[in-house]
Amino acid sequence: MAVMEIDVERMDILKRLLVTIVCLLVFELVRILVQATVLFQFLYMLIARKQSEPLRKFSNRLSWFVYKLLRYSTLNENGKPFPFSEFPKAGDCDRPSNTITFE
């Protein structure tokens, strides 16, 4: 197994660590928001027997944001996520499925 040597100043590593800590704190807050949107979406479907499209689109962007947060935090991506850059736009994300199945 090859070990990757890095040629980076310790101060740069500490700066990235601080940004990563902020990202992980944001992740914990977003995790609660994701849980709330999931519960609301299911309650809405139980009552209205249809899904909330605006909530579905927001949840799609939110899941893309979480993906970017985790990629940055795990050192798999260099682009800083929101709040250090823009929140993902609808065009940045994969399109949601056209149909939802309950199997």
Protein backbone atom coordinates (compact mmCIF):
# COMPACT_ATOMS: atom_id res chain seq x y z
CA MET A 1 0.00 0.00 0.00
CA ALA A 2 1.48 3.33 -1.07
CA VAL A 3 1.53 6.22 1.35
CA MET A 4 0.84 9.60 -0.20
CA GLU A 5 3.27 12.30 0.91
CA ILE A 6 1.91 15.83 1.02
CA ASP A 7 3.91 18.98 0.51
CA VAL A 8 1.74 21.42 2.43
CA GLU A 9 2.42 23.84 5.24
CA ARG A 10 1.00 22.90 8.63
CA MET A 11 -0.84 26.24 8.78
CA ASP A 12 -2.71 25.34 5.58
CA ILE A 13 -3.65 21.99 7.10
CA LEU A 14 -4.93 23.72 10.24
CA LYS A 15 -6.98 26.17 8.14
CA ARG A 16 -8.60 23.29 6.28
CA LEU A 17 -9.22 21.53 9.59
CA LEU A 18 -11.05 24.60 10.91
CA VAL A 19 -13.18 24.83 7.77
CA THR A 20 -13.89 21.10 8.06
CA ILE A 21 -15.00 21.51 11.68
CA VAL A 22 -17.43 24.24 10.60
CA CYS A 23 -18.67 21.94 7.81
CA LEU A 24 -19.25 19.10 10.26
CA LEU A 25 -21.20 21.41 12.59
CA VAL A 26 -23.32 22.55 9.64
CA PHE A 27 -23.77 18.88 8.70
CA GLU A 28 -25.27 18.12 12.11
CA LEU A 29 -27.77 20.97 11.73
CA VAL A 30 -28.64 19.93 8.18
CA ARG A 31 -29.11 16.33 9.33
CA ILE A 32 -31.94 17.51 11.60
CA LEU A 33 -33.41 19.54 8.73
CA VAL A 34 -33.32 16.49 6.44
CA GLN A 35 -35.14 14.43 9.06
CA ALA A 36 -37.80 17.13 9.39
CA THR A 37 -38.32 17.36 5.62
CA VAL A 38 -38.62 13.59 5.32
CA LEU A 39 -41.23 13.40 8.09
CA PHE A 40 -43.16 16.36 6.69
CA GLN A 41 -43.13 14.90 3.16
CA PHE A 42 -44.56 11.59 4.41
CA LEU A 43 -47.20 13.31 6.53
CA TYR A 44 -48.13 15.44 3.54
CA MET A 45 -48.42 12.34 1.34
CA LEU A 46 -50.57 10.57 3.92
CA ILE A 47 -52.96 13.51 4.09
CA ALA A 48 -52.98 14.83 0.50
CA ARG A 49 -52.13 11.54 -1.25
CA LYS A 50 -49.58 13.39 -3.38
CA GLN A 51 -46.07 14.66 -2.81
CA SER A 52 -45.02 18.24 -2.23
CA GLU A 53 -42.99 19.15 -5.34
CA PRO A 54 -41.41 22.30 -3.83
CA LEU A 55 -40.28 20.28 -0.80
CA ARG A 56 -39.03 17.50 -3.04
CA LYS A 57 -36.94 19.95 -5.08
CA PHE A 58 -35.57 21.56 -1.92
CA SER A 59 -34.74 18.14 -0.46
CA ASN A 60 -32.89 17.22 -3.64
CA ARG A 61 -30.73 20.35 -3.35
CA LEU A 62 -30.25 19.70 0.35
CA SER A 63 -29.07 16.13 -0.26
CA TRP A 64 -26.61 17.39 -2.89
CA PHE A 65 -25.32 19.91 -0.35
CA VAL A 66 -24.81 17.15 2.24
CA TYR A 67 -22.95 15.12 -0.37
CA LYS A 68 -20.63 18.06 -1.07
CA LEU A 69 -20.12 18.67 2.66
CA LEU A 70 -19.06 15.10 3.23
CA ARG A 71 -16.81 15.00 0.15
CA TYR A 72 -14.97 18.10 1.37
CA SER A 73 -14.76 16.89 4.98
CA THR A 74 -13.34 13.51 3.97
CA LEU A 75 -10.67 15.14 1.77
CA ASN A 76 -12.20 13.87 -1.46
CA GLU A 77 -12.96 17.31 -2.89
CA ASN A 78 -11.25 20.68 -2.70
CA GLY A 79 -14.18 22.99 -3.43
CA LYS A 80 -15.51 24.46 -0.20
CA PRO A 81 -19.25 23.88 0.26
CA PHE A 82 -21.88 26.33 1.51
CA PRO A 83 -21.52 28.52 3.68
CA PHE A 84 -18.13 29.16 2.02
CA SER A 85 -19.64 29.07 -1.48
CA GLU A 86 -23.12 29.20 -3.00
CA PHE A 87 -25.84 26.74 -2.00
CA PRO A 88 -26.37 24.20 -4.81
CA LYS A 89 -28.80 25.29 -7.53
CA ALA A 90 -31.35 22.93 -9.01
CA GLY A 91 -29.21 22.54 -12.14
CA ASP A 92 -26.23 21.36 -10.06
CA CYS A 93 -28.07 18.31 -8.74
CA ASP A 94 -29.17 15.04 -10.27
CA ARG A 95 -32.80 15.13 -11.32
CA PRO A 96 -35.19 13.35 -8.95
CA SER A 97 -36.96 10.22 -10.14
CA ASN A 98 -40.12 10.79 -12.15
CA THR A 99 -42.09 8.24 -10.17
CA ILE A 100 -41.97 7.12 -6.57
CA THR A 101 -42.64 3.48 -5.72
CA PHE A 102 -43.62 2.00 -2.38
CA GLU A 103 -42.48 -1.60 -2.45
